[in-house]
Amino acid sequence: MNILAVLLACMFCVLHPAVAASPSPVGVWRTFDDDGHETGRVEITERNQRLYGRIIAIADPAKAKAVCRDCTDERRGLPVLGLEFLRGLRQDGDDWDGGDVLDPQNGRVYRCSLRLEDGGRKLVIRGYIGLSLFGRSQTWTRVE
């Protein structure tokens, strides 16, 4: 193989969008409560350039059959396991925002933003009312 072929192959690997793309929140994440205890797993997917998240596992077996009793939208009465709780986030630079997150424990819907940390191994999700200043964040870890 000549030197030109090697250089072209290297340039392709560096410049190709699939290789050069920054990490994405798409995937499966371990979730934690505010005390750091694992609460379950969620799967984030992308549809029409927006992110959506669904609860795919609940750590506490006693809560596995819970339904969203306090939800005020079309999710009212649906099982929490399988529930789409994260909707419509779009990428804005290195962050994702413009969507909402549902807290199935109280039925409240909050504005939401996401950002990746630690090379895409951690996801910081922030739910808030009005301004991001008035909210709280959780950090989830990617399931490899």
Protein backbone atom coordinates (compact mmCIF):
# COMPACT_ATOMS: atom_id res chain seq x y z
CA MET A 1 0.00 0.00 0.00
CA ASN A 2 1.47 3.37 -0.89
CA ILE A 3 1.63 6.41 1.39
CA LEU A 4 -1.15 8.26 -0.45
CA ALA A 5 -3.61 5.43 0.16
CA VAL A 6 -2.73 5.36 3.87
CA LEU A 7 -3.20 9.15 4.16
CA LEU A 8 -6.56 9.00 2.37
CA ALA A 9 -7.75 6.19 4.64
CA CYS A 10 -6.73 8.19 7.73
CA MET A 11 -8.47 11.32 6.45
CA PHE A 12 -11.64 9.31 5.78
CA CYS A 13 -11.66 7.97 9.35
CA VAL A 14 -11.18 11.45 10.82
CA LEU A 15 -13.59 13.32 8.56
CA HIS A 16 -16.36 10.76 8.05
CA PRO A 17 -19.49 11.93 9.98
CA ALA A 18 -20.13 8.56 11.60
CA VAL A 19 -16.59 8.49 12.96
CA ALA A 20 -16.19 12.18 13.76
CA ALA A 21 -19.63 12.67 15.33
CA SER A 22 -19.78 13.68 18.97
CA PRO A 23 -21.34 11.25 21.45
CA SER A 24 -25.12 11.03 21.53
CA PRO A 25 -27.51 10.42 24.43
CA VAL A 26 -29.15 7.66 22.38
CA GLY A 27 -28.85 4.38 24.28
CA VAL A 28 -29.66 2.77 27.62
CA TRP A 29 -28.99 4.58 30.91
CA ARG A 30 -28.95 3.57 34.57
CA THR A 31 -31.02 6.08 36.56
CA PHE A 32 -30.56 7.16 40.17
CA ASP A 33 -32.61 9.00 42.77
CA ASP A 34 -31.36 12.07 44.62
CA ASP A 35 -29.69 9.83 47.24
CA GLY A 36 -27.68 7.97 44.59
CA HIS A 37 -29.67 4.72 44.68
CA GLU A 38 -30.32 3.07 41.33
CA THR A 39 -33.98 3.39 40.35
CA GLY A 40 -33.98 1.63 36.99
CA ARG A 41 -33.07 1.98 33.37
CA VAL A 42 -34.30 4.13 30.55
CA GLU A 43 -33.79 3.94 26.82
CA ILE A 44 -33.32 7.14 24.85
CA THR A 45 -34.09 6.99 21.14
CA GLU A 46 -34.12 9.51 18.32
CA ARG A 47 -37.10 10.20 16.06
CA ASN A 48 -37.21 13.04 13.55
CA GLN A 49 -34.04 14.59 15.02
CA ARG A 50 -35.57 14.72 18.53
CA LEU A 51 -34.88 12.60 21.59
CA TYR A 52 -37.45 10.51 23.46
CA GLY A 53 -37.00 8.38 26.57
CA ARG A 54 -38.89 5.33 27.82
CA ILE A 55 -38.63 3.54 31.18
CA ILE A 56 -37.46 -0.02 30.44
CA ALA A 57 -36.65 -1.33 33.94
CA ILE A 58 -37.60 -0.49 37.51
CA ALA A 59 -35.15 -1.51 40.25
CA ASP A 60 -37.73 -1.86 43.05
CA PRO A 61 -39.93 -4.92 42.35
CA ALA A 62 -42.71 -3.41 44.51
CA LYS A 63 -42.95 -0.49 42.04
CA ALA A 64 -42.75 -2.58 38.86
CA LYS A 65 -46.54 -2.62 38.38
CA ALA A 66 -47.10 1.08 39.21
CA VAL A 67 -49.26 3.22 36.95
CA CYS A 68 -49.09 6.98 36.44
CA ARG A 69 -52.15 7.88 38.50
CA ASP A 70 -51.31 11.58 38.84
CA CYS A 71 -50.51 12.22 35.17
CA THR A 72 -52.72 14.90 33.67
CA ASP A 73 -52.21 14.08 29.98
CA GLU A 74 -52.71 11.02 27.75
CA ARG A 75 -50.28 9.04 29.96
CA ARG A 76 -52.73 9.01 32.90
CA GLY A 77 -53.32 5.44 34.06
CA LEU A 78 -50.56 3.96 31.90
CA PRO A 79 -48.01 1.58 33.44
CA VAL A 80 -44.82 3.35 34.49
CA LEU A 81 -42.80 0.47 33.02
CA GLY A 82 -42.70 1.26 29.30
CA LEU A 83 -43.86 4.85 29.80
CA GLU A 84 -42.46 7.52 27.48
CA PHE A 85 -41.45 10.12 30.07
CA LEU A 86 -38.96 12.20 28.04
CA ARG A 87 -40.15 13.90 24.85
CA GLY A 88 -39.08 16.20 22.07
CA LEU A 89 -35.55 17.30 22.98
CA ARG A 90 -33.51 18.71 20.11
CA GLN A 91 -29.80 19.24 19.87
CA ASP A 92 -28.46 22.73 20.55
CA GLY A 93 -24.68 22.60 20.22
CA ASP A 94 -23.43 20.11 22.81
CA ASP A 95 -26.73 20.15 24.74
CA TRP A 96 -30.27 18.95 24.08
CA ASP A 97 -33.28 20.99 25.15
CA GLY A 98 -36.71 22.22 24.08
CA GLY A 99 -38.53 19.14 25.32
CA ASP A 100 -40.12 17.97 28.51
CA VAL A 101 -39.77 15.33 31.19
CA LEU A 102 -42.55 13.70 33.20
CA ASP A 103 -42.05 12.73 36.84
CA PRO A 104 -44.29 9.63 37.05
CA GLN A 105 -44.30 9.79 40.86
CA ASN A 106 -46.25 13.06 40.95
CA GLY A 107 -47.51 13.43 37.37
CA ARG A 108 -45.82 16.79 36.86
CA VAL A 109 -44.27 17.73 33.52
CA TYR A 110 -41.16 19.91 33.51
CA ARG A 111 -39.08 21.56 30.83
CA CYS A 112 -35.91 19.60 30.32
CA SER A 113 -32.33 19.77 29.12
CA LEU A 114 -29.61 17.15 28.73
CA ARG A 115 -25.84 17.23 28.44
CA LEU A 116 -23.24 14.51 28.19
CA GLU A 117 -20.18 14.35 30.41
CA ASP A 118 -17.18 12.07 30.83
CA GLY A 119 -16.88 11.35 27.10
CA GLY A 120 -20.53 10.33 26.78
CA ARG A 121 -20.51 7.90 29.71
CA LYS A 122 -22.62 10.18 31.95
CA LEU A 123 -25.80 12.07 31.16
CA VAL A 124 -26.91 15.06 33.21
CA ILE A 125 -30.65 15.61 32.94
CA ARG A 126 -32.16 18.80 34.33
CA GLY A 127 -35.87 19.32 34.87
CA TYR A 128 -37.12 22.82 35.61
CA ILE A 129 -40.04 25.22 35.66
CA GLY A 130 -39.58 28.48 33.76
CA LEU A 131 -35.85 29.14 34.00
CA SER A 132 -33.28 26.37 34.28
CA LEU A 133 -32.14 28.08 37.48
CA PHE A 134 -35.33 26.79 39.15
CA GLY A 135 -34.88 23.05 38.81
CA ARG A 136 -32.85 20.03 39.75
CA SER A 137 -30.44 17.72 37.99
CA GLN A 138 -29.69 14.02 38.07
CA THR A 139 -26.72 12.21 36.60
CA TRP A 140 -27.25 8.88 34.89
CA THR A 141 -24.62 6.41 33.66
CA ARG A 142 -24.56 4.71 30.27
CA VAL A 143 -25.10 0.97 30.12
CA GLU A 144 -22.29 -0.40 27.98
